[in-house]
Amino acid sequence: MTTRTTRPTVRFRRSASLAVAAGIATIGAIPLLAGGPWFLPVLLVPIAIAVWAWRAGTDVDAAGFTVRALLGSRRVPWAAVDGLVSQDGTVQARLANGHFVKLDAVRPADVERITALTTQAQ
């Protein structure tokens, strides 16, 4: 029997009020469908925003971080990261290859929590 060890993960997400507002907009767009099927894209926009608000964000653990978007995700190990850069209210990870990865929903004030989690594992 194999045992699975769980790593402590810190999840950074946008406010849930975004998903609630998108849900209200979806309900408000439903009567437009009575005007014809060409109004269907109007209904899909708030649904896509609700899914994005629920899914998008950054998951950080001792091994690395995962940036999640509407349709995909990207896992980056800490060994590939040179540092964290805080600029204009956003946080980006500078990779060893010179590229940057934006850490969605992470604020500059959260960098301390991230570094504490990474140093805790070492």
PDB file of N, CA and C in Angstrom:
ATOM      1  N   MET A   1       0.852  -1.183   0.000  1.00  0.00           N
ATOM      2  CA  MET A   1       0.000   0.000   0.000  1.00  0.00           C
ATOM      3  C   MET A   1       0.892   1.238   0.000  1.00  0.00           C
ATOM      4  N   THR A   2       0.626   2.138  -0.892  1.00  0.00           N
ATOM      5  CA  THR A   2       1.406   3.371  -0.956  1.00  0.00           C
ATOM      6  C   THR A   2       0.691   4.461  -0.192  1.00  0.00           C
ATOM      7  N   THR A   3       1.484   5.235   0.498  1.00  0.00           N
ATOM      8  CA  THR A   3       0.920   6.377   1.207  1.00  0.00           C
ATOM      9  C   THR A   3       1.276   7.630   0.439  1.00  0.00           C
ATOM     10  N   ARG A   4       0.359   8.501   0.362  1.00  0.00           N
ATOM     11  CA  ARG A   4       0.549   9.745  -0.368  1.00  0.00           C
ATOM     12  C   ARG A   4       0.769  10.862   0.640  1.00  0.00           C
ATOM     13  N   THR A   5       1.881  11.542   0.496  1.00  0.00           N
ATOM     14  CA  THR A   5       2.154  12.657   1.400  1.00  0.00           C
ATOM     15  C   THR A   5       1.594  13.928   0.788  1.00  0.00           C
ATOM     16  N   THR A   6       0.967  14.701   1.597  1.00  0.00           N
ATOM     17  CA  THR A   6       0.413  15.951   1.116  1.00  0.00           C
ATOM     18  C   THR A   6       1.312  17.093   1.560  1.00  0.00           C
ATOM     19  N   ARG A   7       1.554  17.981   0.629  1.00  0.00           N
ATOM     20  CA  ARG A   7       2.358  19.157   0.934  1.00  0.00           C
ATOM     21  C   ARG A   7       1.415  20.306   1.277  1.00  0.00           C
ATOM     22  N   PRO A   8       1.796  21.132   2.227  1.00  0.00           N
ATOM     23  CA  PRO A   8       0.949  22.296   2.513  1.00  0.00           C
ATOM     24  C   PRO A   8       0.935  23.223   1.299  1.00  0.00           C
ATOM     25  N   THR A   9      -0.248  23.562   0.858  1.00  0.00           N
ATOM     26  CA  THR A   9      -0.418  24.405  -0.312  1.00  0.00           C
ATOM     27  C   THR A   9      -1.145  25.676   0.077  1.00  0.00           C
ATOM     28  N   VAL A  10      -0.641  26.789  -0.405  1.00  0.00           N
ATOM     29  CA  VAL A  10      -1.305  28.070  -0.208  1.00  0.00           C
ATOM     30  C   VAL A  10      -1.948  28.443  -1.541  1.00  0.00           C
ATOM     31  N   ARG A  11      -3.237  28.694  -1.497  1.00  0.00           N
ATOM     32  CA  ARG A  11      -3.978  29.030  -2.717  1.00  0.00           C
ATOM     33  C   ARG A  11      -4.288  30.519  -2.733  1.00  0.00           C
ATOM     34  N   PHE A  12      -3.963  31.153  -3.843  1.00  0.00           N
ATOM     35  CA  PHE A  12      -4.274  32.566  -4.038  1.00  0.00           C
ATOM     36  C   PHE A  12      -5.335  32.652  -5.132  1.00  0.00           C
ATOM     37  N   ARG A  13      -6.474  33.240  -4.805  1.00  0.00           N
ATOM     38  CA  ARG A  13      -7.570  33.374  -5.760  1.00  0.00           C
ATOM     39  C   ARG A  13      -8.106  34.793  -5.714  1.00  0.00           C
ATOM     40  N   ARG A  14      -8.820  35.152  -6.749  1.00  0.00           N
ATOM     41  CA  ARG A  14      -9.488  36.453  -6.783  1.00  0.00           C
ATOM     42  C   ARG A  14     -10.720  36.395  -5.875  1.00  0.00           C
ATOM     43  N   SER A  15     -11.295  37.541  -5.629  1.00  0.00           N
ATOM     44  CA  SER A  15     -12.450  37.625  -4.748  1.00  0.00           C
ATOM     45  C   SER A  15     -13.624  36.828  -5.312  1.00  0.00           C
ATOM     46  N   ALA A  16     -14.363  36.175  -4.443  1.00  0.00           N
ATOM     47  CA  ALA A  16     -15.535  35.404  -4.862  1.00  0.00           C
ATOM     48  C   ALA A  16     -16.648  36.310  -5.371  1.00  0.00           C
ATOM     49  N   SER A  17     -16.578  37.585  -5.049  1.00  0.00           N
ATOM     50  CA  SER A  17     -17.606  38.509  -5.532  1.00  0.00           C
ATOM     51  C   SER A  17     -17.596  38.613  -7.058  1.00  0.00           C
ATOM     52  N   LEU A  18     -16.454  38.339  -7.678  1.00  0.00           N
ATOM     53  CA  LEU A  18     -16.381  38.328  -9.145  1.00  0.00           C
ATOM     54  C   LEU A  18     -17.261  37.224  -9.722  1.00  0.00           C
ATOM     55  N   ALA A  19     -17.210  36.040  -9.147  1.00  0.00           N
ATOM     56  CA  ALA A  19     -18.035  34.928  -9.620  1.00  0.00           C
ATOM     57  C   ALA A  19     -19.516  35.205  -9.356  1.00  0.00           C
ATOM     58  N   VAL A  20     -19.823  35.823  -8.229  1.00  0.00           N
ATOM     59  CA  VAL A  20     -21.207  36.159  -7.920  1.00  0.00           C
ATOM     60  C   VAL A  20     -21.741  37.188  -8.920  1.00  0.00           C
ATOM     61  N   ALA A  21     -20.944  38.198  -9.231  1.00  0.00           N
ATOM     62  CA  ALA A  21     -21.368  39.203 -10.211  1.00  0.00           C
ATOM     63  C   ALA A  21     -21.565  38.577 -11.590  1.00  0.00           C
ATOM     64  N   ALA A  22     -20.692  37.646 -11.971  1.00  0.00           N
ATOM     65  CA  ALA A  22     -20.846  36.978 -13.257  1.00  0.00           C
ATOM     66  C   ALA A  22     -22.107  36.112 -13.271  1.00  0.00           C
ATOM     67  N   GLY A  23     -22.415  35.481 -12.148  1.00  0.00           N
ATOM     68  CA  GLY A  23     -23.649  34.692 -12.059  1.00  0.00           C
ATOM     69  C   GLY A  23     -24.882  35.560 -12.201  1.00  0.00           C
ATOM     70  N   ILE A  24     -24.876  36.715 -11.581  1.00  0.00           N
ATOM     71  CA  ILE A  24     -26.001  37.656 -11.709  1.00  0.00           C
ATOM     72  C   ILE A  24     -26.121  38.147 -13.149  1.00  0.00           C
ATOM     73  N   ALA A  25     -24.980  38.420 -13.796  1.00  0.00           N
ATOM     74  CA  ALA A  25     -25.005  38.850 -15.195  1.00  0.00           C
ATOM     75  C   ALA A  25     -25.529  37.737 -16.103  1.00  0.00           C
ATOM     76  N   THR A  26     -25.225  36.495 -15.783  1.00  0.00           N
ATOM     77  CA  THR A  26     -25.740  35.364 -16.567  1.00  0.00           C
ATOM     78  C   THR A  26     -27.253  35.294 -16.459  1.00  0.00           C
ATOM     79  N   ILE A  27     -27.760  35.417 -15.248  1.00  0.00           N
ATOM     80  CA  ILE A  27     -29.210  35.397 -15.051  1.00  0.00           C
ATOM     81  C   ILE A  27     -29.861  36.565 -15.783  1.00  0.00           C
ATOM     82  N   GLY A  28     -29.221  37.727 -15.752  1.00  0.00           N
ATOM     83  CA  GLY A  28     -29.764  38.891 -16.451  1.00  0.00           C
ATOM     84  C   GLY A  28     -29.719  38.760 -17.959  1.00  0.00           C
ATOM     85  N   ALA A  29     -28.824  37.935 -18.486  1.00  0.00           N
ATOM     86  CA  ALA A  29     -28.705  37.771 -19.938  1.00  0.00           C
ATOM     87  C   ALA A  29     -29.664  36.732 -20.493  1.00  0.00           C
ATOM     88  N   ILE A  30     -30.240  35.900 -19.650  1.00  0.00           N
ATOM     89  CA  ILE A  30     -31.133  34.838 -20.122  1.00  0.00           C
ATOM     90  C   ILE A  30     -32.333  35.382 -20.902  1.00  0.00           C
ATOM     91  N   PRO A  31     -32.977  36.466 -20.477  1.00  0.00           N
ATOM     92  CA  PRO A  31     -34.111  36.965 -21.268  1.00  0.00           C
ATOM     93  C   PRO A  31     -33.726  37.387 -22.698  1.00  0.00           C
ATOM     94  N   LEU A  32     -32.476  37.678 -22.952  1.00  0.00           N
ATOM     95  CA  LEU A  32     -32.054  38.039 -24.308  1.00  0.00           C
ATOM     96  C   LEU A  32     -32.225  36.876 -25.283  1.00  0.00           C
ATOM     97  N   LEU A  33     -32.202  35.653 -24.786  1.00  0.00           N
ATOM     98  CA  LEU A  33     -32.366  34.491 -25.653  1.00  0.00           C
ATOM     99  C   LEU A  33     -33.743  34.453 -26.304  1.00  0.00           C
ATOM    100  N   ALA A  34     -34.730  35.137 -25.720  1.00  0.00           N
ATOM    101  CA  ALA A  34     -36.052  35.212 -26.339  1.00  0.00           C
ATOM    102  C   ALA A  34     -35.994  35.994 -27.648  1.00  0.00           C
ATOM    103  N   GLY A  35     -34.980  36.841 -27.797  1.00  0.00           N
ATOM    104  CA  GLY A  35     -34.830  37.625 -29.028  1.00  0.00           C
ATOM    105  C   GLY A  35     -34.250  36.833 -30.178  1.00  0.00           C
ATOM    106  N   GLY A  36     -33.715  35.676 -29.912  1.00  0.00           N
ATOM    107  CA  GLY A  36     -33.172  34.838 -30.966  1.00  0.00           C
ATOM    108  C   GLY A  36     -31.877  34.178 -30.545  1.00  0.00           C
ATOM    109  N   PRO A  37     -31.469  33.171 -31.306  1.00  0.00           N
ATOM    110  CA  PRO A  37     -30.264  32.422 -30.931  1.00  0.00           C
ATOM    111  C   PRO A  37     -28.965  33.216 -31.129  1.00  0.00           C
ATOM    112  N   TRP A  38     -28.994  34.294 -31.876  1.00  0.00           N
ATOM    113  CA  TRP A  38     -27.777  35.077 -32.087  1.00  0.00           C
ATOM    114  C   TRP A  38     -27.360  35.835 -30.831  1.00  0.00           C
ATOM    115  N   PHE A  39     -28.186  35.824 -29.797  1.00  0.00           N
ATOM    116  CA  PHE A  39     -27.819  36.442 -28.522  1.00  0.00           C
ATOM    117  C   PHE A  39     -27.102  35.458 -27.586  1.00  0.00           C
ATOM    118  N   LEU A  40     -26.908  34.208 -28.032  1.00  0.00           N
ATOM    119  CA  LEU A  40     -26.242  33.212 -27.207  1.00  0.00           C
ATOM    120  C   LEU A  40     -24.831  33.633 -26.774  1.00  0.00           C
ATOM    121  N   PRO A  41     -24.016  34.263 -27.650  1.00  0.00           N
ATOM    122  CA  PRO A  41     -22.687  34.704 -27.184  1.00  0.00           C
ATOM    123  C   PRO A  41     -22.741  35.687 -26.013  1.00  0.00           C
ATOM    124  N   VAL A  42     -23.809  36.462 -25.935  1.00  0.00           N
ATOM    125  CA  VAL A  42     -23.954  37.395 -24.812  1.00  0.00           C
ATOM    126  C   VAL A  42     -24.074  36.610 -23.503  1.00  0.00           C
ATOM    127  N   LEU A  43     -24.696  35.454 -23.553  1.00  0.00           N
ATOM    128  CA  LEU A  43     -24.840  34.613 -22.377  1.00  0.00           C
ATOM    129  C   LEU A  43     -23.532  33.896 -22.030  1.00  0.00           C
ATOM    130  N   LEU A  44     -22.739  33.571 -23.047  1.00  0.00           N
ATOM    131  CA  LEU A  44     -21.502  32.840 -22.805  1.00  0.00           C
ATOM    132  C   LEU A  44     -20.421  33.693 -22.131  1.00  0.00           C
ATOM    133  N   VAL A  45     -20.446  34.990 -22.347  1.00  0.00           N
ATOM    134  CA  VAL A  45     -19.418  35.863 -21.765  1.00  0.00           C
ATOM    135  C   VAL A  45     -19.453  35.846 -20.237  1.00  0.00           C
ATOM    136  N   PRO A  46     -20.598  36.084 -19.588  1.00  0.00           N
ATOM    137  CA  PRO A  46     -20.571  36.036 -18.114  1.00  0.00           C
ATOM    138  C   PRO A  46     -20.309  34.634 -17.566  1.00  0.00           C
ATOM    139  N   ILE A  47     -20.698  33.600 -18.311  1.00  0.00           N
ATOM    140  CA  ILE A  47     -20.392  32.235 -17.869  1.00  0.00           C
ATOM    141  C   ILE A  47     -18.885  32.013 -17.886  1.00  0.00           C
ATOM    142  N   ALA A  48     -18.215  32.460 -18.953  1.00  0.00           N
ATOM    143  CA  ALA A  48     -16.753  32.325 -19.042  1.00  0.00           C
ATOM    144  C   ALA A  48     -16.065  33.112 -17.933  1.00  0.00           C
ATOM    145  N   ILE A  49     -16.580  34.288 -17.615  1.00  0.00           N
ATOM    146  CA  ILE A  49     -15.997  35.092 -16.538  1.00  0.00           C
ATOM    147  C   ILE A  49     -16.184  34.393 -15.188  1.00  0.00           C
ATOM    148  N   ALA A  50     -17.328  33.774 -14.975  1.00  0.00           N
ATOM    149  CA  ALA A  50     -17.567  33.058 -13.711  1.00  0.00           C
ATOM    150  C   ALA A  50     -16.612  31.874 -13.567  1.00  0.00           C
ATOM    151  N   VAL A  51     -16.399  31.126 -14.644  1.00  0.00           N
ATOM    152  CA  VAL A  51     -15.482  29.987 -14.591  1.00  0.00           C
ATOM    153  C   VAL A  51     -14.057  30.482 -14.358  1.00  0.00           C
ATOM    154  N   TRP A  52     -13.666  31.563 -15.033  1.00  0.00           N
ATOM    155  CA  TRP A  52     -12.328  32.130 -14.847  1.00  0.00           C
ATOM    156  C   TRP A  52     -12.131  32.587 -13.399  1.00  0.00           C
ATOM    157  N   ALA A  53     -13.123  33.276 -12.840  1.00  0.00           N
ATOM    158  CA  ALA A  53     -13.007  33.780 -11.467  1.00  0.00           C
ATOM    159  C   ALA A  53     -12.911  32.628 -10.469  1.00  0.00           C
ATOM    160  N   TRP A  54     -13.561  31.516 -10.746  1.00  0.00           N
ATOM    161  CA  TRP A  54     -13.520  30.361  -9.847  1.00  0.00           C
ATOM    162  C   TRP A  54     -12.202  29.602  -9.970  1.00  0.00           C
ATOM    163  N   ARG A  55     -11.657  29.512 -11.195  1.00  0.00           N
ATOM    164  CA  ARG A  55     -10.501  28.663 -11.456  1.00  0.00           C
ATOM    165  C   ARG A  55      -9.163  29.379 -11.396  1.00  0.00           C
ATOM    166  N   ALA A  56      -9.063  30.591 -11.910  1.00  0.00           N
ATOM    167  CA  ALA A  56      -7.783  31.277 -12.069  1.00  0.00           C
ATOM    168  C   ALA A  56      -7.162  31.631 -10.725  1.00  0.00           C
ATOM    169  N   GLY A  57      -5.837  31.525 -10.676  1.00  0.00           N
ATOM    170  CA  GLY A  57      -5.111  31.858  -9.463  1.00  0.00           C
ATOM    171  C   GLY A  57      -3.779  31.141  -9.432  1.00  0.00           C
ATOM    172  N   THR A  58      -3.161  31.144  -8.276  1.00  0.00           N
ATOM    173  CA  THR A  58      -1.849  30.531  -8.096  1.00  0.00           C
ATOM    174  C   THR A  58      -1.878  29.635  -6.865  1.00  0.00           C
ATOM    175  N   ASP A  59      -1.370  28.413  -7.037  1.00  0.00           N
ATOM    176  CA  ASP A  59      -1.206  27.472  -5.931  1.00  0.00           C
ATOM    177  C   ASP A  59       0.285  27.338  -5.662  1.00  0.00           C
ATOM    178  N   VAL A  60       0.688  27.576  -4.419  1.00  0.00           N
ATOM    179  CA  VAL A  60       2.112  27.547  -4.057  1.00  0.00           C
ATOM    180  C   VAL A  60       2.328  26.465  -3.012  1.00  0.00           C
ATOM    181  N   ASP A  61       3.353  25.637  -3.226  1.00  0.00           N
ATOM    182  CA  ASP A  61       3.758  24.670  -2.224  1.00  0.00           C
ATOM    183  C   ASP A  61       5.280  24.656  -2.140  1.00  0.00           C
ATOM    184  N   ALA A  62       5.819  23.781  -1.346  1.00  0.00           N
ATOM    185  CA  ALA A  62       7.264  23.765  -1.107  1.00  0.00           C
ATOM    186  C   ALA A  62       8.054  23.348  -2.352  1.00  0.00           C
ATOM    187  N   ALA A  63       7.444  22.623  -3.270  1.00  0.00           N
ATOM    188  CA  ALA A  63       8.145  22.147  -4.465  1.00  0.00           C
ATOM    189  C   ALA A  63       8.112  23.146  -5.614  1.00  0.00           C
ATOM    190  N   GLY A  64       7.125  24.026  -5.636  1.00  0.00           N
ATOM    191  CA  GLY A  64       7.002  24.989  -6.728  1.00  0.00           C
ATOM    192  C   GLY A  64       5.650  25.671  -6.691  1.00  0.00           C
ATOM    193  N   PHE A  65       5.227  26.171  -7.836  1.00  0.00           N
ATOM    194  CA  PHE A  65       3.917  26.812  -7.906  1.00  0.00           C
ATOM    195  C   PHE A  65       3.225  26.434  -9.202  1.00  0.00           C
ATOM    196  N   THR A  66       1.891  26.526  -9.172  1.00  0.00           N
ATOM    197  CA  THR A  66       1.063  26.266 -10.339  1.00  0.00           C
ATOM    198  C   THR A  66       0.222  27.500 -10.594  1.00  0.00           C
ATOM    199  N   VAL A  67       0.316  28.034 -11.802  1.00  0.00           N
ATOM    200  CA  VAL A  67      -0.500  29.169 -12.205  1.00  0.00           C
ATOM    201  C   VAL A  67      -1.660  28.615 -13.028  1.00  0.00           C
ATOM    202  N   ARG A  68      -2.872  28.898 -12.592  1.00  0.00           N
ATOM    203  CA  ARG A  68      -4.065  28.393 -13.277  1.00  0.00           C
ATOM    204  C   ARG A  68      -4.763  29.529 -14.009  1.00  0.00           C
ATOM    205  N   ALA A  69      -5.223  29.225 -15.216  1.00  0.00           N
ATOM    206  CA  ALA A  69      -5.964  30.181 -16.037  1.00  0.00           C
ATOM    207  C   ALA A  69      -7.328  29.588 -16.371  1.00  0.00           C
ATOM    208  N   LEU A  70      -8.051  30.212 -17.280  1.00  0.00           N
ATOM    209  CA  LEU A  70      -9.384  29.737 -17.642  1.00  0.00           C
ATOM    210  C   LEU A  70      -9.332  28.331 -18.222  1.00  0.00           C
ATOM    211  N   LEU A  71      -8.396  28.072 -19.131  1.00  0.00           N
ATOM    212  CA  LEU A  71      -8.375  26.789 -19.825  1.00  0.00           C
ATOM    213  C   LEU A  71      -7.159  25.909 -19.537  1.00  0.00           C
ATOM    214  N   GLY A  72      -6.158  26.415 -18.872  1.00  0.00           N
ATOM    215  CA  GLY A  72      -4.962  25.612 -18.651  1.00  0.00           C
ATOM    216  C   GLY A  72      -4.260  25.981 -17.369  1.00  0.00           C
ATOM    217  N   SER A  73      -3.127  25.311 -17.155  1.00  0.00           N
ATOM    218  CA  SER A  73      -2.312  25.609 -15.980  1.00  0.00           C
ATOM    219  C   SER A  73      -0.859  25.329 -16.318  1.00  0.00           C
ATOM    220  N   ARG A  74       0.026  25.917 -15.521  1.00  0.00           N
ATOM    221  CA  ARG A  74       1.463  25.737 -15.726  1.00  0.00           C
ATOM    222  C   ARG A  74       2.119  25.512 -14.375  1.00  0.00           C
ATOM    223  N   ARG A  75       2.854  24.418 -14.268  1.00  0.00           N
ATOM    224  CA  ARG A  75       3.573  24.072 -13.046  1.00  0.00           C
ATOM    225  C   ARG A  75       5.040  24.469 -13.204  1.00  0.00           C
ATOM    226  N   VAL A  76       5.580  25.199 -12.230  1.00  0.00           N
ATOM    227  CA  VAL A  76       6.973  25.645 -12.265  1.00  0.00           C
ATOM    228  C   VAL A  76       7.634  25.242 -10.954  1.00  0.00           C
ATOM    229  N   PRO A  77       8.711  24.456 -11.011  1.00  0.00           N
ATOM    230  CA  PRO A  77       9.422  24.097  -9.775  1.00  0.00           C
ATOM    231  C   PRO A  77      10.283  25.261  -9.303  1.00  0.00           C
ATOM    232  N   TRP A  78      10.546  25.319  -8.002  1.00  0.00           N
ATOM    233  CA  TRP A  78      11.340  26.416  -7.450  1.00  0.00           C
ATOM    234  C   TRP A  78      12.770  26.403  -7.992  1.00  0.00           C
ATOM    235  N   ALA A  79      13.261  25.255  -8.427  1.00  0.00           N
ATOM    236  CA  ALA A  79      14.620  25.179  -8.979  1.00  0.00           C
ATOM    237  C   ALA A  79      14.745  25.993 -10.269  1.00  0.00           C
ATOM    238  N   ALA A  80      13.631  26.231 -10.957  1.00  0.00           N
ATOM    239  CA  ALA A  80      13.657  27.000 -12.209  1.00  0.00           C
ATOM    240  C   ALA A  80      13.436  28.493 -11.983  1.00  0.00           C
ATOM    241  N   VAL A  81      13.278  28.916 -10.722  1.00  0.00           N
ATOM    242  CA  VAL A  81      12.967  30.316 -10.403  1.00  0.00           C
ATOM    243  C   VAL A  81      14.206  31.006  -9.838  1.00  0.00           C
ATOM    244  N   ASP A  82      14.537  32.172 -10.433  1.00  0.00           N
ATOM    245  CA  ASP A  82      15.653  32.978  -9.919  1.00  0.00           C
ATOM    246  C   ASP A  82      15.208  33.930  -8.811  1.00  0.00           C
ATOM    247  N   GLY A  83      13.975  34.388  -8.876  1.00  0.00           N
ATOM    248  CA  GLY A  83      13.496  35.305  -7.858  1.00  0.00           C
ATOM    249  C   GLY A  83      12.073  35.751  -8.124  1.00  0.00           C
ATOM    250  N   LEU A  84      11.502  36.444  -7.157  1.00  0.00           N
ATOM    251  CA  LEU A  84      10.167  37.011  -7.293  1.00  0.00           C
ATOM    252  C   LEU A  84      10.295  38.520  -7.438  1.00  0.00           C
ATOM    253  N   VAL A  85       9.579  39.074  -8.400  1.00  0.00           N
ATOM    254  CA  VAL A  85       9.640  40.505  -8.695  1.00  0.00           C
ATOM    255  C   VAL A  85       8.267  41.104  -8.437  1.00  0.00           C
ATOM    256  N   SER A  86       8.229  42.131  -7.623  1.00  0.00           N
ATOM    257  CA  SER A  86       6.987  42.827  -7.326  1.00  0.00           C
ATOM    258  C   SER A  86       7.006  44.175  -8.034  1.00  0.00           C
ATOM    259  N   GLN A  87       6.016  44.379  -8.914  1.00  0.00           N
ATOM    260  CA  GLN A  87       5.992  45.617  -9.692  1.00  0.00           C
ATOM    261  C   GLN A  87       4.549  45.980 -10.037  1.00  0.00           C
ATOM    262  N   ASP A  88       4.192  47.222  -9.827  1.00  0.00           N
ATOM    263  CA  ASP A  88       2.865  47.748 -10.165  1.00  0.00           C
ATOM    264  C   ASP A  88       1.722  46.941  -9.551  1.00  0.00           C
ATOM    265  N   GLY A  89       1.884  46.464  -8.334  1.00  0.00           N
ATOM    266  CA  GLY A  89       0.833  45.733  -7.650  1.00  0.00           C
ATOM    267  C   GLY A  89       0.704  44.286  -8.067  1.00  0.00           C
ATOM    268  N   THR A  90       1.596  43.803  -8.921  1.00  0.00           N
ATOM    269  CA  THR A  90       1.585  42.396  -9.325  1.00  0.00           C
ATOM    270  C   THR A  90       2.889  41.733  -8.913  1.00  0.00           C
ATOM    271  N   VAL A  91       2.873  40.422  -8.892  1.00  0.00           N
ATOM    272  CA  VAL A  91       4.073  39.655  -8.558  1.00  0.00           C
ATOM    273  C   VAL A  91       4.373  38.727  -9.728  1.00  0.00           C
ATOM    274  N   GLN A  92       5.631  38.707 -10.132  1.00  0.00           N
ATOM    275  CA  GLN A  92       6.070  37.832 -11.208  1.00  0.00           C
ATOM    276  C   GLN A  92       7.249  37.007 -10.725  1.00  0.00           C
ATOM    277  N   ALA A  93       7.355  35.801 -11.257  1.00  0.00           N
ATOM    278  CA  ALA A  93       8.510  34.954 -10.973  1.00  0.00           C
ATOM    279  C   ALA A  93       9.480  35.090 -12.138  1.00  0.00           C
ATOM    280  N   ARG A  94      10.725  35.447 -11.823  1.00  0.00           N
ATOM    281  CA  ARG A  94      11.763  35.518 -12.853  1.00  0.00           C
ATOM    282  C   ARG A  94      12.396  34.135 -12.956  1.00  0.00           C
ATOM    283  N   LEU A  95      12.304  33.532 -14.134  1.00  0.00           N
ATOM    284  CA  LEU A  95      12.821  32.186 -14.331  1.00  0.00           C
ATOM    285  C   LEU A  95      14.289  32.222 -14.696  1.00  0.00           C
ATOM    286  N   ALA A  96      14.958  31.090 -14.562  1.00  0.00           N
ATOM    287  CA  ALA A  96      16.381  30.991 -14.857  1.00  0.00           C
ATOM    288  C   ALA A  96      16.682  31.257 -16.333  1.00  0.00           C
ATOM    289  N   ASN A  97      15.700  31.027 -17.212  1.00  0.00           N
ATOM    290  CA  ASN A  97      15.918  31.264 -18.638  1.00  0.00           C
ATOM    291  C   ASN A  97      15.646  32.720 -19.044  1.00  0.00           C
ATOM    292  N   GLY A  98      15.342  33.584 -18.073  1.00  0.00           N
ATOM    293  CA  GLY A  98      15.128  35.000 -18.356  1.00  0.00           C
ATOM    294  C   GLY A  98      13.679  35.393 -18.565  1.00  0.00           C
ATOM    295  N   HIS A  99      12.795  34.444 -18.674  1.00  0.00           N
ATOM    296  CA  HIS A  99      11.382  34.746 -18.853  1.00  0.00           C
ATOM    297  C   HIS A  99      10.726  35.061 -17.513  1.00  0.00           C
ATOM    298  N   PHE A 100       9.537  35.653 -17.594  1.00  0.00           N
ATOM    299  CA  PHE A 100       8.771  35.981 -16.398  1.00  0.00           C
ATOM    300  C   PHE A 100       7.423  35.269 -16.457  1.00  0.00           C
ATOM    301  N   VAL A 101       6.943  34.839 -15.299  1.00  0.00           N
ATOM    302  CA  VAL A 101       5.627  34.227 -15.174  1.00  0.00           C
ATOM    303  C   VAL A 101       4.855  35.031 -14.138  1.00  0.00           C
ATOM    304  N   LYS A 102       3.702  35.595 -14.554  1.00  0.00           N
ATOM    305  CA  LYS A 102       2.882  36.373 -13.629  1.00  0.00           C
ATOM    306  C   LYS A 102       2.156  35.425 -12.689  1.00  0.00           C
ATOM    307  N   LEU A 103       2.267  35.700 -11.404  1.00  0.00           N
ATOM    308  CA  LEU A 103       1.574  34.905 -10.391  1.00  0.00           C
ATOM    309  C   LEU A 103       0.199  35.539 -10.170  1.00  0.00           C
ATOM    310  N   ASP A 104      -0.799  34.976 -10.815  1.00  0.00           N
ATOM    311  CA  ASP A 104      -2.142  35.536 -10.798  1.00  0.00           C
ATOM    312  C   ASP A 104      -2.721  35.525  -9.385  1.00  0.00           C
ATOM    313  N   ALA A 105      -3.328  36.620  -9.002  1.00  0.00           N
ATOM    314  CA  ALA A 105      -4.007  36.819  -7.717  1.00  0.00           C
ATOM    315  C   ALA A 105      -3.043  36.940  -6.537  1.00  0.00           C
ATOM    316  N   VAL A 106      -1.735  36.977  -6.781  1.00  0.00           N
ATOM    317  CA  VAL A 106      -0.761  37.169  -5.711  1.00  0.00           C
ATOM    318  C   VAL A 106      -0.426  38.653  -5.618  1.00  0.00           C
ATOM    319  N   ARG A 107      -0.533  39.199  -4.422  1.00  0.00           N
ATOM    320  CA  ARG A 107      -0.223  40.617  -4.203  1.00  0.00           C
ATOM    321  C   ARG A 107       1.185  40.740  -3.628  1.00  0.00           C
ATOM    322  N   PRO A 108       1.786  41.910  -3.736  1.00  0.00           N
ATOM    323  CA  PRO A 108       3.128  42.091  -3.164  1.00  0.00           C
ATOM    324  C   PRO A 108       3.200  41.761  -1.673  1.00  0.00           C
ATOM    325  N   ALA A 109       2.124  41.968  -0.943  1.00  0.00           N
ATOM    326  CA  ALA A 109       2.119  41.654   0.487  1.00  0.00           C
ATOM    327  C   ALA A 109       2.176  40.142   0.739  1.00  0.00           C
ATOM    328  N   ASP A 110       1.855  39.328  -0.269  1.00  0.00           N
ATOM    329  CA  ASP A 110       1.851  37.875  -0.113  1.00  0.00           C
ATOM    330  C   ASP A 110       3.215  37.238  -0.339  1.00  0.00           C
ATOM    331  N   VAL A 111       4.180  37.997  -0.831  1.00  0.00           N
ATOM    332  CA  VAL A 111       5.501  37.441  -1.138  1.00  0.00           C
ATOM    333  C   VAL A 111       6.149  36.859   0.115  1.00  0.00           C
ATOM    334  N   GLU A 112       5.937  37.493   1.252  1.00  0.00           N
ATOM    335  CA  GLU A 112       6.503  37.002   2.515  1.00  0.00           C
ATOM    336  C   GLU A 112       5.983  35.608   2.855  1.00  0.00           C
ATOM    337  N   ARG A 113       4.683  35.365   2.644  1.00  0.00           N
ATOM    338  CA  ARG A 113       4.112  34.045   2.897  1.00  0.00           C
ATOM    339  C   ARG A 113       4.698  33.004   1.959  1.00  0.00           C
ATOM    340  N   ILE A 114       4.933  33.397   0.705  1.00  0.00           N
ATOM    341  CA  ILE A 114       5.490  32.453  -0.271  1.00  0.00           C
ATOM    342  C   ILE A 114       6.915  32.080   0.103  1.00  0.00           C
ATOM    343  N   THR A 115       7.720  33.060   0.440  1.00  0.00           N
ATOM    344  CA  THR A 115       9.108  32.758   0.792  1.00  0.00           C
ATOM    345  C   THR A 115       9.182  31.948   2.088  1.00  0.00           C
ATOM    346  N   ALA A 116       8.289  32.186   3.018  1.00  0.00           N
ATOM    347  CA  ALA A 116       8.280  31.396   4.252  1.00  0.00           C
ATOM    348  C   ALA A 116       7.938  29.939   3.950  1.00  0.00           C
ATOM    349  N   LEU A 117       7.051  29.716   3.010  1.00  0.00           N
ATOM    350  CA  LEU A 117       6.679  28.348   2.644  1.00  0.00           C
ATOM    351  C   LEU A 117       7.824  27.632   1.950  1.00  0.00           C
ATOM    352  N   THR A 118       8.552  28.333   1.100  1.00  0.00           N
ATOM    353  CA  THR A 118       9.657  27.692   0.373  1.00  0.00           C
ATOM    354  C   THR A 118      10.846  27.415   1.295  1.00  0.00           C
ATOM    355  N   THR A 119      11.110  28.308   2.227  1.00  0.00           N
ATOM    356  CA  THR A 119      12.234  28.080   3.142  1.00  0.00           C
ATOM    357  C   THR A 119      11.903  27.030   4.192  1.00  0.00           C
ATOM    358  N   GLN A 120      10.615  26.853   4.482  1.00  0.00           N
ATOM    359  CA  GLN A 120      10.177  25.849   5.446  1.00  0.00           C
ATOM    360  C   GLN A 120      10.507  24.440   4.961  1.00  0.00           C
ATOM    361  N   ALA A 121      10.478  24.236   3.651  1.00  0.00           N
ATOM    362  CA  ALA A 121      10.728  22.905   3.085  1.00  0.00           C
ATOM    363  C   ALA A 121      12.217  22.583   3.003  1.00  0.00           C
ATOM    364  N   GLN A 122      13.066  23.581   3.062  1.00  0.00           N
ATOM    365  CA  GLN A 122      14.499  23.339   2.894  1.00  0.00           C
ATOM    366  C   GLN A 122      15.171  22.903   4.158  1.00  0.00           C
TER     367      GLN A 122
END
